[in-house]
Amino acid sequence: MTDAQVSGSRARTRQAIVEAAIEVLGRNPAASLGDIATAADVGRTTLHRYFAERTDLLSAVGAEATARLARATAQARPAEGTGASAVRRLCQEYFDLGDLLSLIFSEPELCVDPTAGGSAGCDPEFTALVERGHRDGSIDPELPAGWVQSIVWSQLYAGWSYLAETGASRHEVLRLVLRTVDGAIGVRSA
């Protein structure tokens, strides 16, 4: 085996462990490293070769979470269209990150970004998106950015729970999430 093949194999094994950790810990934050090793189809010794401590694995999961959130946010094109349409696209992109975001909800320190600030913990881009929605008339101006963000996260969480509990189709649950968010953040007629 060449060095490149070994390096590629190691990277795939490491990624499989991180993926398994996201899946397992997203469903049960108290899961053991043994549970994660089993899900990754590796032995505990192999897992410990890549991640000596649970905190090492959680750091890798946090880095993966940050990267996936950044990709999903970029794919949603939050600077385009009305504020409400951007929130809708964010919901669509984030919906597919169910296990990952469930894990972040239970372990929020995984994605702590010291540069993030803004309104009630919102990142500046989300705050700007909501303010754009206030100006363009697509988001109720009485709703601050932090509240809109809470609506998005709570509805995504409700959607993932509903999907797991009922076995409804992904398409139907996402439709319900979007309908609820649209109704919650839209401007009320007088």
Protein backbone atom coordinates (compact mmCIF):
# COMPACT_ATOMS: atom_id res chain seq x y z
CA MET A 1 0.00 0.00 0.00
CA THR A 2 1.26 3.47 -0.85
CA ASP A 3 1.42 6.36 1.62
CA ALA A 4 -1.44 8.04 -0.26
CA GLN A 5 -3.61 4.91 0.05
CA VAL A 6 -2.86 4.62 3.77
CA SER A 7 -3.57 8.31 4.24
CA GLY A 8 -6.84 7.99 2.28
CA SER A 9 -7.86 4.93 4.26
CA ARG A 10 -7.10 6.70 7.55
CA ALA A 11 -9.12 9.74 6.46
CA ARG A 12 -12.09 7.53 5.53
CA THR A 13 -11.92 5.67 8.86
CA ARG A 14 -11.67 8.94 10.78
CA GLN A 15 -14.63 10.36 8.85
CA ALA A 16 -16.67 7.18 9.44
CA ILE A 17 -16.08 7.54 13.18
CA VAL A 18 -17.11 11.23 13.13
CA GLU A 19 -20.23 10.39 11.06
CA ALA A 20 -21.15 7.60 13.48
CA ALA A 21 -20.64 9.93 16.44
CA ILE A 22 -22.99 12.49 14.90
CA GLU A 23 -25.66 9.86 14.28
CA VAL A 24 -25.34 8.08 17.63
CA LEU A 25 -24.88 11.15 19.83
CA GLY A 26 -27.62 13.01 17.93
CA ARG A 27 -30.04 10.33 19.12
CA ASN A 28 -28.48 9.72 22.53
CA PRO A 29 -26.00 12.31 23.86
CA ALA A 30 -24.99 9.92 26.67
CA ALA A 31 -24.00 7.12 24.25
CA SER A 32 -20.69 5.43 24.98
CA LEU A 33 -17.61 5.41 22.78
CA GLY A 34 -18.29 1.69 22.36
CA ASP A 35 -21.69 2.51 20.84
CA ILE A 36 -20.00 4.93 18.45
CA ALA A 37 -17.31 2.38 17.52
CA THR A 38 -20.00 -0.21 16.78
CA ALA A 39 -21.93 2.24 14.60
CA ALA A 40 -18.71 3.13 12.74
CA ASP A 41 -17.97 -0.57 12.28
CA VAL A 42 -14.60 -0.26 14.01
CA GLY A 43 -13.23 -1.62 17.27
CA ARG A 44 -12.82 0.52 20.36
CA THR A 45 -9.05 0.29 19.96
CA THR A 46 -9.32 1.75 16.47
CA LEU A 47 -11.58 4.53 17.72
CA HIS A 48 -9.07 5.35 20.48
CA ARG A 49 -6.23 5.40 17.93
CA TYR A 50 -8.02 8.25 16.17
CA PHE A 51 -9.56 9.90 19.23
CA ALA A 52 -7.77 9.20 22.50
CA GLU A 53 -10.46 10.91 24.60
CA ARG A 54 -14.16 11.60 24.21
CA THR A 55 -13.33 15.33 24.16
CA ASP A 56 -11.07 14.76 21.12
CA LEU A 57 -13.96 13.12 19.28
CA LEU A 58 -16.35 15.89 20.31
CA SER A 59 -13.88 18.48 19.01
CA ALA A 60 -13.83 16.72 15.64
CA VAL A 61 -17.63 16.53 15.66
CA GLY A 62 -17.78 20.26 16.45
CA ALA A 63 -15.48 21.05 13.52
CA GLU A 64 -17.62 18.89 11.23
CA ALA A 65 -20.79 20.57 12.53
CA THR A 66 -19.38 24.03 11.90
CA ALA A 67 -18.34 23.04 8.36
CA ARG A 68 -21.73 21.47 7.54
CA LEU A 69 -23.66 24.44 8.90
CA ALA A 70 -21.50 26.79 6.84
CA ARG A 71 -22.11 24.72 3.68
CA ALA A 72 -25.86 24.54 4.30
CA THR A 73 -26.02 28.28 4.97
CA ALA A 74 -24.09 29.03 1.78
CA GLN A 75 -26.36 26.72 -0.24
CA ALA A 76 -29.40 28.59 1.12
CA ARG A 77 -28.10 31.85 -0.40
CA PRO A 78 -29.26 33.98 2.55
CA ALA A 79 -28.36 37.28 0.87
CA GLU A 80 -30.79 36.68 -2.01
CA GLY A 81 -34.48 37.50 -2.26
CA THR A 82 -36.77 38.62 0.51
CA GLY A 83 -35.93 38.01 4.13
CA ALA A 84 -38.75 35.48 4.46
CA SER A 85 -37.68 33.56 1.34
CA ALA A 86 -34.14 33.37 2.75
CA VAL A 87 -35.45 32.01 6.08
CA ARG A 88 -37.44 29.42 4.10
CA ARG A 89 -34.32 28.33 2.17
CA LEU A 90 -32.35 28.07 5.42
CA CYS A 91 -35.06 25.80 6.84
CA GLN A 92 -34.89 23.61 3.73
CA GLU A 93 -31.11 23.27 3.92
CA TYR A 94 -30.99 22.76 7.69
CA PHE A 95 -33.77 20.15 7.64
CA ASP A 96 -31.35 17.60 6.20
CA LEU A 97 -28.94 18.15 9.12
CA GLY A 98 -31.34 16.54 11.61
CA ASP A 99 -28.98 14.32 13.64
CA LEU A 100 -26.26 16.93 13.59
CA LEU A 101 -28.50 19.76 14.76
CA SER A 102 -30.15 17.55 17.38
CA LEU A 103 -26.66 16.94 18.74
CA ILE A 104 -25.86 20.66 18.68
CA PHE A 105 -29.09 21.37 20.60
CA SER A 106 -28.07 18.91 23.30
CA GLU A 107 -24.37 19.93 23.27
CA PRO A 108 -24.39 23.62 22.26
CA GLU A 109 -20.73 24.07 23.19
CA LEU A 110 -19.80 21.98 20.12
CA CYS A 111 -20.32 24.97 17.83
CA VAL A 112 -19.37 27.90 19.96
CA ASP A 113 -18.06 30.62 17.69
CA PRO A 114 -16.49 33.46 19.67
CA THR A 115 -16.85 35.78 16.67
CA ALA A 116 -20.63 35.32 16.57
CA GLY A 117 -22.64 37.93 18.31
CA GLY A 118 -25.53 40.01 17.22
CA SER A 119 -29.06 39.99 18.47
CA ALA A 120 -29.75 37.41 21.19
CA GLY A 121 -26.95 35.16 20.01
CA CYS A 122 -27.82 35.38 16.32
CA ASP A 123 -24.95 35.61 13.94
CA PRO A 124 -24.74 38.97 12.17
CA GLU A 125 -25.79 37.49 8.80
CA PHE A 126 -29.02 36.08 10.25
CA THR A 127 -29.76 39.36 11.99
CA ALA A 128 -29.21 41.20 8.68
CA LEU A 129 -31.49 38.74 6.89
CA VAL A 130 -34.31 39.35 9.38
CA GLU A 131 -33.80 43.12 9.24
CA ARG A 132 -33.99 42.88 5.43
CA GLY A 133 -37.29 41.01 5.88
CA HIS A 134 -38.55 43.81 8.12
CA ARG A 135 -37.69 46.39 5.46
CA ASP A 136 -39.07 44.42 2.51
CA GLY A 137 -42.31 43.61 4.35
CA SER A 138 -41.88 39.82 4.34
CA ILE A 139 -41.11 39.40 8.08
CA ASP A 140 -43.23 40.91 10.82
CA PRO A 141 -41.27 43.93 12.11
CA GLU A 142 -42.40 43.20 15.67
CA LEU A 143 -40.33 39.99 15.65
CA PRO A 144 -36.67 40.45 16.63
CA ALA A 145 -34.00 38.33 14.96
CA GLY A 146 -33.49 36.19 18.07
CA TRP A 147 -37.19 35.34 18.13
CA VAL A 148 -37.22 34.42 14.43
CA GLN A 149 -34.18 32.22 14.98
CA SER A 150 -35.93 30.50 17.90
CA ILE A 151 -38.95 29.86 15.68
CA VAL A 152 -36.76 28.31 13.00
CA TRP A 153 -34.91 26.03 15.43
CA SER A 154 -38.03 25.00 17.33
CA GLN A 155 -39.89 24.12 14.15
CA LEU A 156 -36.96 22.16 12.74
CA TYR A 157 -36.74 20.24 16.01
CA ALA A 158 -40.50 19.62 15.95
CA GLY A 159 -40.20 18.41 12.37
CA TRP A 160 -37.39 15.95 13.15
CA SER A 161 -39.31 14.63 16.16
CA TYR A 162 -42.49 14.25 14.11
CA LEU A 163 -40.59 12.49 11.33
CA ALA A 164 -39.08 10.00 13.80
CA GLU A 165 -42.32 9.40 15.70
CA THR A 166 -44.78 9.11 12.83
CA GLY A 167 -42.79 7.81 9.91
CA ALA A 168 -44.32 10.53 7.74
CA SER A 169 -42.44 11.30 4.56
CA ARG A 170 -39.54 13.76 4.65
CA HIS A 171 -41.31 15.81 1.98
CA GLU A 172 -44.52 16.10 4.00
CA VAL A 173 -42.75 16.99 7.25
CA LEU A 174 -40.64 19.64 5.55
CA ARG A 175 -43.82 21.08 4.01
CA LEU A 176 -45.34 21.32 7.50
CA VAL A 177 -42.21 22.98 8.91
CA LEU A 178 -42.13 25.57 6.11
CA ARG A 179 -45.86 26.29 6.41
CA THR A 180 -45.51 26.82 10.16
CA VAL A 181 -42.44 29.06 9.87
CA ASP A 182 -44.04 31.09 7.04
CA GLY A 183 -47.15 31.64 9.15
CA ALA A 184 -45.20 32.49 12.28
CA ILE A 185 -42.90 35.12 10.81
CA GLY A 186 -45.17 36.67 8.19
CA VAL A 187 -46.65 40.13 8.51
CA ARG A 188 -50.14 40.13 9.98
CA SER A 189 -52.82 41.99 8.08
CA ALA A 190 -54.63 44.66 10.06
